[in-house]
Amino acid sequence: MSKKVAVVTGANKGIGLAIVRELCKAKFTGDVILTARNEKLGNEAVKMLKSEGFEVAYHHLDICDQGSAKQLSNFLQKTYGGLDVLINNAGMAFKNDATEPFGEQAEVTMRTNFWGTLWVCHALLPLLRPNARVVNVSSFVSKKALDTCSPQLQAKFRDTELSEEELCLLMGQFVIAAQQGNHQAQGWPNTAYGTTKIGVTVLSRIQAHILTKTRAADGILLNACCPGWVRTDMAGSKAPKSPEEGAQTPTYLALLPEGAKEPHGQLVWDKTVQQW
């Protein structure tokens, strides 16, 4: 049997780095691969973890580059023959005082947080072995953003029959509306980050539904999670949680025991399923 392998995206710092460390501390029974867009920063993170006594490997991954995701897929297939844990942590947000036009912020944030996550999933989910675990890092901001959507949009995002194609169309519509400057008039929230994370949360439910239909006997669990407001470069220094605290729920979901039936297709915050 091939060796187990876990992949964490956007893992050279912040919550991603803390998740890698927590997987190692939990004695994950396989290789842990830290991925990052910047090779220098990725290798520096691996070097630091090794100095702490943790055995970690680096592999390049730019989630906004579909070719990069395919290269990682080829490496995993060739080296391990599959994938056991995928934590889609990579993401970005503009600062509150960013000067870029909102339409630009919406396009860039959507490309990373939603499309990048989707592209990594398209490349790597076919490699999932039985009892694999997938965690898409979302945010409590997705729930707040959903609550400020129009009733029509809320109904669409809560529709359990919504398809991936329909979700992609909705995410595209938000970016166009943001670029035209009339997103709020069309019922969208005034947050690019929050809307992209609505996409990640709903995508997770759709992906879980597909896995249940296509691989029901394989025991695979896929969830979205909110790490909380964490002190990182992205969220700032005033956040109440440390990266290590933020890593707890993603790591918990990644290490759900074999035979567990739930949670699956849920948004989980502080190890608790949230109402969507």
Protein backbone atom coordinates (compact mmCIF):
# COMPACT_ATOMS: atom_id res chain seq x y z
CA MET A 1 0.00 0.00 0.00
CA SER A 2 1.28 3.46 -0.92
CA LYS A 3 2.33 5.87 1.79
CA LYS A 4 -0.29 8.36 2.96
CA VAL A 5 0.09 12.00 2.00
CA ALA A 6 -1.43 15.31 3.13
CA VAL A 7 -1.27 18.57 1.14
CA VAL A 8 -1.77 22.05 2.61
CA THR A 9 -2.02 25.02 0.24
CA GLY A 10 -0.81 28.54 1.01
CA ALA A 11 1.25 27.11 3.84
CA ASN A 12 4.44 29.18 4.07
CA LYS A 13 2.98 31.39 6.84
CA GLY A 14 -0.06 32.14 8.97
CA ILE A 15 -2.85 29.60 9.36
CA GLY A 16 -1.48 27.33 6.60
CA LEU A 17 1.89 27.00 8.31
CA ALA A 18 0.16 26.39 11.65
CA ILE A 19 -1.97 23.63 10.06
CA VAL A 20 1.15 21.89 8.75
CA ARG A 21 2.68 22.09 12.22
CA GLU A 22 -0.50 20.72 13.85
CA LEU A 23 -0.66 17.80 11.41
CA CYS A 24 2.92 16.93 12.34
CA LYS A 25 2.20 17.28 16.06
CA ALA A 26 -0.79 14.96 15.66
CA LYS A 27 1.58 12.37 14.16
CA PHE A 28 -0.15 12.20 10.77
CA THR A 29 0.81 8.77 9.47
CA GLY A 30 2.32 9.83 6.19
CA ASP A 31 4.10 12.65 4.41
CA VAL A 32 2.98 16.25 4.89
CA ILE A 33 3.52 18.50 1.89
CA LEU A 34 3.64 22.25 2.40
CA THR A 35 2.78 24.12 -0.78
CA ALA A 36 3.30 27.80 -1.54
CA ARG A 37 3.49 30.05 -4.57
CA ASN A 38 6.87 31.49 -3.57
CA GLU A 39 9.55 28.77 -3.65
CA LYS A 40 12.00 30.69 -1.44
CA LEU A 41 9.40 31.34 1.27
CA GLY A 42 8.10 27.77 1.01
CA ASN A 43 11.53 26.26 1.48
CA GLU A 44 12.29 28.64 4.36
CA ALA A 45 9.10 27.47 6.10
CA VAL A 46 10.09 23.82 5.62
CA LYS A 47 13.55 24.57 7.00
CA MET A 48 12.04 26.19 10.08
CA LEU A 49 9.69 23.24 10.68
CA LYS A 50 12.56 20.80 10.30
CA SER A 51 14.52 22.76 12.91
CA GLU A 52 11.54 22.16 15.22
CA GLY A 53 11.81 18.42 14.59
CA PHE A 54 9.02 18.05 12.02
CA GLU A 55 9.54 16.21 8.75
CA VAL A 56 7.86 18.22 5.97
CA ALA A 57 8.38 18.51 2.21
CA TYR A 58 7.83 21.51 -0.06
CA HIS A 59 6.11 21.51 -3.45
CA HIS A 60 5.36 24.56 -5.57
CA LEU A 61 1.70 25.47 -6.07
CA ASP A 62 0.23 28.69 -7.40
CA ILE A 63 -3.51 28.09 -7.05
CA CYS A 64 -4.26 30.76 -9.68
CA ASP A 65 -2.31 28.75 -12.27
CA GLN A 66 -4.19 25.66 -13.47
CA GLY A 67 -0.95 24.28 -14.93
CA SER A 68 0.67 24.49 -11.49
CA ALA A 69 -2.19 22.50 -9.94
CA LYS A 70 -1.84 19.89 -12.69
CA GLN A 71 1.89 19.58 -12.01
CA LEU A 72 1.16 18.92 -8.34
CA SER A 73 -1.45 16.35 -9.34
CA ASN A 74 1.07 14.57 -11.58
CA PHE A 75 3.65 14.57 -8.76
CA LEU A 76 1.19 13.11 -6.24
CA GLN A 77 0.00 10.46 -8.69
CA LYS A 78 3.54 9.42 -9.56
CA THR A 79 4.96 9.53 -6.02
CA TYR A 80 2.02 8.35 -3.90
CA GLY A 81 -0.61 7.02 -6.28
CA GLY A 82 -3.28 9.13 -4.60
CA LEU A 83 -4.11 11.72 -1.95
CA ASP A 84 -5.39 11.30 1.62
CA VAL A 85 -5.74 14.83 3.01
CA LEU A 86 -6.22 18.11 1.13
CA ILE A 87 -6.50 21.40 3.01
CA ASN A 88 -7.31 24.28 0.67
CA ASN A 89 -6.06 27.14 2.82
CA ALA A 90 -4.56 29.53 0.24
CA GLY A 91 -6.48 32.78 -0.05
CA MET A 92 -6.19 36.56 0.03
CA ALA A 93 -8.00 39.73 1.02
CA PHE A 94 -7.47 43.40 0.31
CA LYS A 95 -6.91 45.62 3.34
CA ASN A 96 -9.79 47.88 4.43
CA ASP A 97 -7.82 50.93 3.28
CA ALA A 98 -6.96 49.47 -0.14
CA THR A 99 -7.12 52.07 -2.92
CA GLU A 100 -7.86 49.69 -5.80
CA PRO A 101 -11.35 50.12 -7.31
CA PHE A 102 -13.92 47.70 -5.83
CA GLY A 103 -14.39 46.00 -9.20
CA GLU A 104 -10.68 45.21 -9.35
CA GLN A 105 -10.70 43.96 -5.77
CA ALA A 106 -13.65 41.69 -6.59
CA GLU A 107 -11.95 40.18 -9.66
CA VAL A 108 -8.59 39.56 -7.97
CA THR A 109 -10.09 38.18 -4.75
CA MET A 110 -12.49 35.93 -6.65
CA ARG A 111 -9.70 34.60 -8.86
CA THR A 112 -7.70 33.49 -5.82
CA ASN A 113 -10.26 32.48 -3.23
CA PHE A 114 -12.94 30.88 -5.39
CA TRP A 115 -11.50 30.03 -8.80
CA GLY A 116 -8.09 29.04 -7.39
CA THR A 117 -9.71 26.70 -4.85
CA LEU A 118 -11.96 25.27 -7.57
CA TRP A 119 -9.01 24.65 -9.91
CA VAL A 120 -7.02 22.87 -7.20
CA CYS A 121 -10.06 20.71 -6.46
CA HIS A 122 -10.50 19.84 -10.13
CA ALA A 123 -6.85 18.79 -10.28
CA LEU A 124 -6.64 16.90 -6.96
CA LEU A 125 -10.06 15.52 -5.98
CA PRO A 126 -9.81 12.73 -8.61
CA LEU A 127 -6.77 11.46 -6.64
CA LEU A 128 -8.67 11.04 -3.36
CA ARG A 129 -8.29 7.61 -1.82
CA PRO A 130 -10.97 5.92 0.32
CA ASN A 131 -11.36 7.66 3.72
CA ALA A 132 -9.73 10.84 2.40
CA ARG A 133 -10.46 14.17 4.08
CA VAL A 134 -10.83 17.52 2.30
CA VAL A 135 -11.04 20.87 4.11
CA ASN A 136 -11.81 24.10 2.27
CA VAL A 137 -10.89 27.05 4.49
CA SER A 138 -13.76 29.53 4.30
CA SER A 139 -14.71 32.22 6.82
CA PHE A 140 -17.43 33.35 9.21
CA VAL A 141 -17.54 36.38 6.91
CA SER A 142 -19.24 34.12 4.33
CA LYS A 143 -22.24 33.72 6.67
CA LYS A 144 -22.33 37.46 7.39
CA ALA A 145 -22.14 38.20 3.66
CA LEU A 146 -24.91 35.69 2.91
CA ASP A 147 -27.18 37.38 5.43
CA THR A 148 -26.78 40.72 3.58
CA CYS A 149 -27.60 39.24 0.16
CA SER A 150 -31.04 39.82 -1.35
CA PRO A 151 -33.66 37.16 -0.47
CA GLN A 152 -33.39 35.83 -4.04
CA LEU A 153 -29.61 35.36 -3.81
CA GLN A 154 -29.89 33.87 -0.34
CA ALA A 155 -32.37 31.32 -1.66
CA LYS A 156 -30.01 30.38 -4.49
CA PHE A 157 -27.01 29.96 -2.18
CA ARG A 158 -29.08 27.84 0.23
CA ASP A 159 -30.53 25.67 -2.55
CA THR A 160 -29.18 22.15 -2.01
CA GLU A 161 -29.73 21.40 -5.71
CA LEU A 162 -27.50 24.28 -6.91
CA SER A 163 -24.89 22.91 -9.34
CA GLU A 164 -21.22 23.81 -9.60
CA GLU A 165 -21.88 25.40 -12.99
CA GLU A 166 -24.67 27.55 -11.55
CA LEU A 167 -22.47 28.60 -8.63
CA CYS A 168 -19.68 29.58 -11.04
CA LEU A 169 -22.13 31.71 -13.02
CA LEU A 170 -23.23 33.47 -9.83
CA MET A 171 -19.63 34.21 -8.81
CA GLY A 172 -18.99 35.63 -12.28
CA GLN A 173 -22.12 37.77 -12.06
CA PHE A 174 -20.91 39.31 -8.81
CA VAL A 175 -17.58 40.34 -10.35
CA ILE A 176 -19.32 41.91 -13.37
CA ALA A 177 -21.75 43.77 -11.11
CA ALA A 178 -18.87 44.98 -8.93
CA GLN A 179 -17.02 46.24 -11.99
CA GLN A 180 -20.15 48.06 -13.16
CA GLY A 181 -20.59 49.56 -9.70
CA ASN A 182 -24.13 48.28 -9.19
CA HIS A 183 -23.53 45.09 -7.18
CA GLN A 184 -25.54 46.27 -4.17
CA ALA A 185 -28.47 47.32 -6.38
CA GLN A 186 -28.41 43.74 -7.73
CA GLY A 187 -28.65 42.31 -4.21
CA TRP A 188 -24.99 41.51 -3.60
CA PRO A 189 -23.14 42.32 -0.35
CA ASN A 190 -20.56 45.09 -0.35
CA THR A 191 -17.68 42.72 0.41
CA ALA A 192 -15.49 41.04 -2.18
CA TYR A 193 -13.84 38.74 0.36
CA GLY A 194 -17.14 37.71 1.94
CA THR A 195 -18.72 36.93 -1.42
CA THR A 196 -15.77 34.78 -2.51
CA LYS A 197 -16.10 32.86 0.75
CA ILE A 198 -19.83 32.34 0.13
CA GLY A 199 -18.57 30.65 -3.02
CA VAL A 200 -16.11 28.45 -1.10
CA THR A 201 -18.73 27.40 1.47
CA VAL A 202 -21.38 26.56 -1.14
CA LEU A 203 -18.81 24.86 -3.38
CA SER A 204 -17.92 22.59 -0.46
CA ARG A 205 -21.55 21.51 -0.05
CA ILE A 206 -21.81 20.81 -3.80
CA GLN A 207 -18.55 18.82 -3.85
CA ALA A 208 -19.63 16.77 -0.82
CA HIS A 209 -22.95 16.02 -2.52
CA ILE A 210 -21.13 14.81 -5.65
CA LEU A 211 -18.79 12.61 -3.59
CA THR A 212 -21.77 11.08 -1.78
CA LYS A 213 -23.41 10.26 -5.13
CA THR A 214 -20.32 9.00 -6.95
CA ARG A 215 -18.24 7.42 -4.17
CA ALA A 216 -20.73 6.58 -1.44
CA ALA A 217 -18.84 3.55 -0.16
CA ASP A 218 -15.45 5.28 0.10
CA GLY A 219 -15.96 7.13 3.38
CA ILE A 220 -14.60 10.45 2.05
CA LEU A 221 -15.51 13.55 4.08
CA LEU A 222 -15.32 17.10 2.68
CA ASN A 223 -16.15 20.25 4.63
CA ALA A 224 -15.68 24.00 4.70
CA CYS A 225 -14.43 25.59 7.89
CA CYS A 226 -13.94 28.91 9.55
CA PRO A 227 -10.66 29.18 11.43
CA GLY A 228 -11.90 32.30 13.24
CA TRP A 229 -10.41 35.79 13.33
CA VAL A 230 -6.72 34.98 13.43
CA ARG A 231 -3.63 37.17 13.85
CA THR A 232 -2.06 36.94 10.39
CA ASP A 233 -0.65 39.31 7.78
CA MET A 234 -4.06 39.20 6.12
CA ALA A 235 -6.31 39.77 9.16
CA GLY A 236 -4.01 42.03 11.16
CA SER A 237 -2.50 42.02 14.63
CA LYS A 238 -5.68 42.86 16.57
CA ALA A 239 -7.38 39.52 15.91
CA PRO A 240 -8.06 37.47 19.07
CA LYS A 241 -6.82 34.07 17.86
CA SER A 242 -3.26 32.88 17.28
CA PRO A 243 -2.50 30.96 14.06
CA GLU A 244 -2.21 27.81 16.18
CA GLU A 245 -5.72 28.36 17.53
CA GLY A 246 -6.96 29.05 14.01
CA ALA A 247 -5.47 25.75 12.84
CA GLN A 248 -7.47 23.66 15.31
CA THR A 249 -10.71 23.26 13.35
CA PRO A 250 -9.06 22.64 9.94
CA THR A 251 -6.78 20.02 11.54
CA TYR A 252 -9.70 18.42 13.40
CA LEU A 253 -11.60 18.02 10.10
CA ALA A 254 -8.51 16.72 8.30
CA LEU A 255 -8.02 14.01 10.92
CA LEU A 256 -11.62 12.84 11.38
CA PRO A 257 -11.30 9.13 12.20
CA GLU A 258 -11.87 6.39 9.66
CA GLY A 259 -15.50 5.31 9.78
CA ALA A 260 -16.79 8.79 10.69
CA LYS A 261 -19.92 9.69 8.72
CA GLU A 262 -20.11 13.39 9.56
CA PRO A 263 -19.65 16.26 9.33
CA HIS A 264 -19.80 16.20 5.53
CA GLY A 265 -20.63 19.14 3.27
CA GLN A 266 -20.91 21.48 6.26
CA LEU A 267 -19.48 24.81 7.42
CA VAL A 268 -17.63 24.11 10.69
CA TRP A 269 -16.48 26.74 13.19
CA ASP A 270 -14.76 25.88 16.48
CA LYS A 271 -15.34 22.19 15.66
CA THR A 272 -19.11 22.87 15.55
CA VAL A 273 -21.39 22.67 12.49
CA GLN A 274 -22.92 26.06 11.63
CA GLN A 275 -26.40 26.71 10.26
CA TRP A 276 -26.09 27.99 6.68
